[in-house]
């Protein structure tokens, strides 16, 4: 799980970079990786905004599963592609959430 560093820590580390200090020493002092520091430098250069990106709530997935479960109950013969179009989510997301709901969507046309 990624750590979310405060904006103050990011600004302090970037101030050291702008003064020309050694990046390895900066990473040791602040306890961050070189990749993290490079990402902050790029973020500062590209957008100028140092606020950390927050993940969406995990409840979002639960709400979507409720919608998907309702859609499956309404039309159990629909395919993953049809659910994908109906709910505006990717096929992978539909498959993942169906798996979490323990609903299999395999259909075999040869048996019919």
C-alpha atoms as a PDB file:
ATOM      1  CA  UNK A   1       0.000   0.000   0.000  1.00  0.00           C
ATOM      2  CA  UNK A   2       1.469   3.343  -0.981  1.00  0.00           C
ATOM      3  CA  UNK A   3       2.309   5.902   1.681  1.00  0.00           C
ATOM      4  CA  UNK A   4       0.875   9.383   1.444  1.00  0.00           C
ATOM      5  CA  UNK A   5       3.491  11.940   2.432  1.00  0.00           C
ATOM      6  CA  UNK A   6       2.446  15.402   3.529  1.00  0.00           C
ATOM      7  CA  UNK A   7       2.777  18.359   1.213  1.00  0.00           C
ATOM      8  CA  UNK A   8       5.232  19.961   3.677  1.00  0.00           C
ATOM      9  CA  UNK A   9       7.612  17.007   3.429  1.00  0.00           C
ATOM     10  CA  UNK A  10       7.413  17.094  -0.351  1.00  0.00           C
ATOM     11  CA  UNK A  11       8.098  20.838  -0.434  1.00  0.00           C
ATOM     12  CA  UNK A  12      11.077  20.476   1.914  1.00  0.00           C
ATOM     13  CA  UNK A  13      12.603  17.700  -0.171  1.00  0.00           C
ATOM     14  CA  UNK A  14      12.102  19.689  -3.374  1.00  0.00           C
ATOM     15  CA  UNK A  15      13.682  22.746  -1.776  1.00  0.00           C
ATOM     16  CA  UNK A  16      16.799  20.650  -1.136  1.00  0.00           C
ATOM     17  CA  UNK A  17      16.780  19.499  -4.759  1.00  0.00           C
ATOM     18  CA  UNK A  18      16.485  23.067  -6.016  1.00  0.00           C
ATOM     19  CA  UNK A  19      19.483  24.070  -3.858  1.00  0.00           C
ATOM     20  CA  UNK A  20      21.499  21.417  -5.695  1.00  0.00           C
ATOM     21  CA  UNK A  21      22.028  18.990  -2.823  1.00  0.00           C
ATOM     22  CA  UNK A  22      22.870  15.367  -3.533  1.00  0.00           C
ATOM     23  CA  UNK A  23      19.685  13.380  -4.178  1.00  0.00           C
ATOM     24  CA  UNK A  24      20.942  10.272  -2.391  1.00  0.00           C
ATOM     25  CA  UNK A  25      21.581  12.295   0.752  1.00  0.00           C
ATOM     26  CA  UNK A  26      18.136  13.882   0.466  1.00  0.00           C
ATOM     27  CA  UNK A  27      16.474  10.471   0.248  1.00  0.00           C
ATOM     28  CA  UNK A  28      18.387   9.186   3.277  1.00  0.00           C
ATOM     29  CA  UNK A  29      17.566  12.305   5.311  1.00  0.00           C
ATOM     30  CA  UNK A  30      13.833  12.229   4.535  1.00  0.00           C
ATOM     31  CA  UNK A  31      13.529   8.430   4.522  1.00  0.00           C
ATOM     32  CA  UNK A  32      12.131   8.184   0.996  1.00  0.00           C
ATOM     33  CA  UNK A  33      13.226   6.315  -2.087  1.00  0.00           C
ATOM     34  CA  UNK A  34      15.006   7.875  -5.045  1.00  0.00           C
ATOM     35  CA  UNK A  35      12.024   6.954  -7.239  1.00  0.00           C
ATOM     36  CA  UNK A  36       9.671   8.829  -4.886  1.00  0.00           C
ATOM     37  CA  UNK A  37      11.863  11.915  -5.015  1.00  0.00           C
ATOM     38  CA  UNK A  38      12.036  11.700  -8.818  1.00  0.00           C
ATOM     39  CA  UNK A  39       8.246  11.420  -8.980  1.00  0.00           C
ATOM     40  CA  UNK A  40       7.878  14.517  -6.788  1.00  0.00           C
ATOM     41  CA  UNK A  41      10.303  16.483  -8.970  1.00  0.00           C
ATOM     42  CA  UNK A  42       8.379  15.463 -12.098  1.00  0.00           C
ATOM     43  CA  UNK A  43       5.034  16.260 -10.441  1.00  0.00           C
ATOM     44  CA  UNK A  44       6.291  19.678  -9.389  1.00  0.00           C
ATOM     45  CA  UNK A  45       7.690  20.397 -12.838  1.00  0.00           C
ATOM     46  CA  UNK A  46       4.599  19.226 -14.750  1.00  0.00           C
ATOM     47  CA  UNK A  47       1.712  20.461 -12.615  1.00  0.00           C
ATOM     48  CA  UNK A  48       3.225  22.573  -9.850  1.00  0.00           C
ATOM     49  CA  UNK A  49       0.794  20.941  -7.414  1.00  0.00           C
ATOM     50  CA  UNK A  50       2.301  18.827  -4.637  1.00  0.00           C
ATOM     51  CA  UNK A  51      -0.882  17.567  -2.990  1.00  0.00           C
ATOM     52  CA  UNK A  52      -1.013  13.771  -2.780  1.00  0.00           C
ATOM     53  CA  UNK A  53      -3.543  11.886  -4.875  1.00  0.00           C
ATOM     54  CA  UNK A  54      -6.094  10.088  -2.721  1.00  0.00           C
ATOM     55  CA  UNK A  55      -7.632   6.768  -3.650  1.00  0.00           C
ATOM     56  CA  UNK A  56     -11.349   6.424  -4.044  1.00  0.00           C
ATOM     57  CA  UNK A  57     -13.149   4.891  -1.149  1.00  0.00           C
ATOM     58  CA  UNK A  58     -13.338   1.121  -1.057  1.00  0.00           C
ATOM     59  CA  UNK A  59     -17.072   1.536  -0.562  1.00  0.00           C
ATOM     60  CA  UNK A  60     -17.234   2.491  -4.224  1.00  0.00           C
ATOM     61  CA  UNK A  61     -16.542  -1.139  -5.113  1.00  0.00           C
ATOM     62  CA  UNK A  62     -19.215  -2.363  -2.726  1.00  0.00           C
ATOM     63  CA  UNK A  63     -21.799  -0.026  -4.264  1.00  0.00           C
ATOM     64  CA  UNK A  64     -20.843  -1.202  -7.731  1.00  0.00           C
ATOM     65  CA  UNK A  65     -21.168  -4.845  -6.675  1.00  0.00           C
ATOM     66  CA  UNK A  66     -24.684  -4.135  -5.453  1.00  0.00           C
ATOM     67  CA  UNK A  67     -25.563  -2.631  -8.851  1.00  0.00           C
ATOM     68  CA  UNK A  68     -23.967  -5.557 -10.677  1.00  0.00           C
ATOM     69  CA  UNK A  69     -25.744  -8.109  -8.513  1.00  0.00           C
ATOM     70  CA  UNK A  70     -29.067  -6.371  -9.223  1.00  0.00           C
ATOM     71  CA  UNK A  71     -28.318  -6.356 -12.973  1.00  0.00           C
ATOM     72  CA  UNK A  72     -27.497 -10.090 -12.879  1.00  0.00           C
ATOM     73  CA  UNK A  73     -30.738 -10.861 -11.051  1.00  0.00           C
ATOM     74  CA  UNK A  74     -32.758  -8.821 -13.561  1.00  0.00           C
ATOM     75  CA  UNK A  75     -31.170 -10.422 -16.611  1.00  0.00           C
ATOM     76  CA  UNK A  76     -29.212 -13.583 -15.729  1.00  0.00           C
ATOM     77  CA  UNK A  77     -28.506 -14.519 -19.370  1.00  0.00           C
ATOM     78  CA  UNK A  78     -26.519 -11.371 -20.157  1.00  0.00           C
ATOM     79  CA  UNK A  79     -22.856 -11.675 -21.042  1.00  0.00           C
ATOM     80  CA  UNK A  80     -19.939  -9.830 -19.507  1.00  0.00           C
ATOM     81  CA  UNK A  81     -19.813  -7.562 -22.576  1.00  0.00           C
ATOM     82  CA  UNK A  82     -23.477  -6.638 -22.120  1.00  0.00           C
ATOM     83  CA  UNK A  83     -22.956  -5.865 -18.441  1.00  0.00           C
ATOM     84  CA  UNK A  84     -19.881  -3.843 -19.390  1.00  0.00           C
ATOM     85  CA  UNK A  85     -21.888  -1.651 -21.752  1.00  0.00           C
ATOM     86  CA  UNK A  86     -24.839  -1.393 -19.378  1.00  0.00           C
ATOM     87  CA  UNK A  87     -22.781  -0.377 -16.320  1.00  0.00           C
ATOM     88  CA  UNK A  88     -20.025   1.567 -18.160  1.00  0.00           C
ATOM     89  CA  UNK A  89     -17.171  -0.484 -16.709  1.00  0.00           C
ATOM     90  CA  UNK A  90     -14.438  -2.517 -18.342  1.00  0.00           C
ATOM     91  CA  UNK A  91     -14.802  -6.235 -19.005  1.00  0.00           C
ATOM     92  CA  UNK A  92     -12.020  -6.857 -16.515  1.00  0.00           C
ATOM     93  CA  UNK A  93     -13.820  -4.924 -13.781  1.00  0.00           C
ATOM     94  CA  UNK A  94     -17.048  -6.813 -14.438  1.00  0.00           C
ATOM     95  CA  UNK A  95     -15.217 -10.147 -14.343  1.00  0.00           C
ATOM     96  CA  UNK A  96     -13.422  -9.211 -11.105  1.00  0.00           C
ATOM     97  CA  UNK A  97     -16.614  -8.125  -9.332  1.00  0.00           C
ATOM     98  CA  UNK A  98     -18.550 -11.174 -10.557  1.00  0.00           C
ATOM     99  CA  UNK A  99     -15.765 -13.322  -9.122  1.00  0.00           C
ATOM    100  CA  UNK A 100     -16.056 -11.476  -5.786  1.00  0.00           C
ATOM    101  CA  UNK A 101     -19.813 -12.143  -5.853  1.00  0.00           C
ATOM    102  CA  UNK A 102     -19.080 -15.835  -6.640  1.00  0.00           C
ATOM    103  CA  UNK A 103     -21.135 -15.659  -9.838  1.00  0.00           C
ATOM    104  CA  UNK A 104     -19.846 -17.610 -12.815  1.00  0.00           C
ATOM    105  CA  UNK A 105     -20.642 -16.335 -16.290  1.00  0.00           C
ATOM    106  CA  UNK A 106     -19.417 -19.235 -18.398  1.00  0.00           C
ATOM    107  CA  UNK A 107     -21.677 -20.184 -21.255  1.00  0.00           C
ATOM    108  CA  UNK A 108     -21.234 -23.129 -23.552  1.00  0.00           C
ATOM    109  CA  UNK A 109     -23.012 -22.819 -26.896  1.00  0.00           C
ATOM    110  CA  UNK A 110     -22.155 -26.427 -27.814  1.00  0.00           C
ATOM    111  CA  UNK A 111     -24.573 -27.818 -25.226  1.00  0.00           C
ATOM    112  CA  UNK A 112     -27.631 -25.947 -26.493  1.00  0.00           C
END
